[in-house]
Amino acid sequence: MTSNVREFQARVSANPSVKTYQDATTSRTIFHDDWWLKVASKGKIRQVEVLKDSSVVGSMSYVAVRRHGMTYVQTPPYTRLLGPLLSLPPSKVSTRIRNTR
């Protein structure tokens, strides 16, 4: 985990009004949980975040594997579903559909 993630988690636990991924538009699965990602990837999980106004609006976890001199990005073994987590602002249904395309 990066230091930004730890800082964000500390901020969330200290201030319950900060939005977390439970409010995210994309629903979380068990495959998005930290414990699963650490176990399935043997601790080699990486995470990319998109910040807007010091809050996380998007996140994507992945494993970087090096083969034949090339670096590949893939999901951890035994991980059926893993995609980006998005946290969109509250809006009308038509605006939300337009933003998720």
Protein backbone atom coordinates (compact mmCIF):
# COMPACT_ATOMS: atom_id res chain seq x y z
CA MET A 1 0.00 0.00 0.00
CA THR A 2 1.21 3.48 -0.76
CA SER A 3 1.53 6.20 1.84
CA ASN A 4 -1.37 8.10 0.21
CA VAL A 5 -3.64 5.12 0.82
CA ARG A 6 -2.58 4.89 4.46
CA GLU A 7 -3.11 8.63 4.91
CA PHE A 8 -6.54 8.35 3.30
CA GLN A 9 -7.51 5.42 5.53
CA ALA A 10 -6.34 7.32 8.62
CA ARG A 11 -8.38 10.34 7.54
CA VAL A 12 -11.46 8.16 7.01
CA SER A 13 -11.19 6.51 10.40
CA ALA A 14 -10.67 9.89 12.09
CA ASN A 15 -13.51 11.62 10.23
CA PRO A 16 -16.62 9.52 9.42
CA SER A 17 -17.97 12.25 7.09
CA VAL A 18 -15.24 11.48 4.51
CA LYS A 19 -16.68 9.39 1.69
CA THR A 20 -15.27 5.89 1.39
CA TYR A 21 -15.59 3.26 -1.30
CA GLN A 22 -18.81 1.99 0.26
CA ASP A 23 -20.32 5.10 -1.38
CA ALA A 24 -18.71 4.24 -4.72
CA THR A 25 -20.75 3.91 -7.89
CA THR A 26 -18.97 0.68 -8.79
CA SER A 27 -19.80 -1.94 -6.21
CA ARG A 28 -16.98 -3.63 -4.32
CA THR A 29 -16.52 -7.36 -4.39
CA ILE A 30 -14.58 -9.62 -2.06
CA PHE A 31 -11.79 -9.45 -4.65
CA HIS A 32 -11.33 -5.72 -3.92
CA ASP A 33 -10.62 -6.30 -0.20
CA ASP A 34 -7.06 -5.71 0.97
CA TRP A 35 -6.73 -9.09 2.68
CA TRP A 36 -7.72 -10.95 -0.50
CA LEU A 37 -5.36 -8.95 -2.70
CA LYS A 38 -2.42 -9.48 -0.32
CA VAL A 39 -3.01 -13.24 -0.06
CA ALA A 40 -3.71 -13.87 -3.76
CA SER A 41 -0.76 -11.78 -4.98
CA LYS A 42 1.66 -12.92 -2.24
CA GLY A 43 2.06 -9.26 -1.22
CA LYS A 44 2.95 -8.00 -4.71
CA ILE A 45 -0.22 -5.94 -5.19
CA ARG A 46 0.06 -2.36 -6.43
CA GLN A 47 -2.56 0.35 -6.52
CA VAL A 48 -3.12 3.44 -8.65
CA GLU A 49 -5.34 6.23 -7.34
CA VAL A 50 -6.91 9.32 -8.84
CA LEU A 51 -7.19 12.23 -6.42
CA LYS A 52 -9.44 15.27 -6.80
CA ASP A 53 -9.45 17.96 -4.12
CA SER A 54 -7.49 15.64 -1.79
CA SER A 55 -10.08 12.86 -1.93
CA VAL A 56 -9.86 9.58 -3.82
CA VAL A 57 -12.24 9.47 -6.81
CA GLY A 58 -10.84 6.37 -8.50
CA SER A 59 -8.65 3.40 -7.69
CA MET A 60 -7.32 0.35 -9.50
CA SER A 61 -5.36 -2.57 -8.01
CA TYR A 62 -3.06 -4.76 -10.10
CA VAL A 63 -0.01 -7.03 -10.06
CA ALA A 64 3.02 -6.22 -12.22
CA VAL A 65 4.77 -9.35 -13.54
CA ARG A 66 8.07 -9.29 -15.40
CA ARG A 67 8.55 -11.91 -18.14
CA HIS A 68 11.01 -12.02 -21.02
CA GLY A 69 12.23 -8.49 -20.23
CA MET A 70 8.71 -7.02 -20.41
CA THR A 71 6.47 -5.87 -17.55
CA TYR A 72 2.87 -7.06 -17.74
CA VAL A 73 -0.07 -5.87 -15.68
CA GLN A 74 -2.53 -8.56 -14.61
CA THR A 75 -4.96 -9.54 -11.90
CA PRO A 76 -3.75 -11.78 -9.06
CA PRO A 77 -4.30 -15.55 -9.42
CA TYR A 78 -7.74 -16.86 -8.37
CA THR A 79 -9.17 -13.33 -8.62
CA ARG A 80 -12.31 -13.57 -10.73
CA LEU A 81 -13.40 -9.92 -10.72
CA LEU A 82 -11.11 -6.93 -10.30
CA GLY A 83 -11.68 -3.57 -11.92
CA PRO A 84 -11.51 0.11 -11.12
CA LEU A 85 -13.45 1.56 -8.20
CA LEU A 86 -15.08 4.89 -9.00
CA SER A 87 -16.58 7.38 -6.61
CA LEU A 88 -18.74 9.78 -8.60
CA PRO A 89 -20.41 12.81 -7.05
CA PRO A 90 -24.16 12.68 -6.39
CA SER A 91 -26.04 13.58 -9.56
CA LYS A 92 -29.10 12.92 -11.66
CA VAL A 93 -29.40 9.51 -13.28
CA SER A 94 -28.86 10.93 -16.78
CA THR A 95 -25.66 12.74 -15.68
CA ARG A 96 -24.35 9.62 -13.91
CA ILE A 97 -24.90 7.52 -17.04
CA ARG A 98 -23.10 10.13 -19.15
CA ASN A 99 -20.16 10.22 -16.67
CA THR A 100 -19.71 6.43 -16.58
CA ARG A 101 -19.42 5.97 -20.34
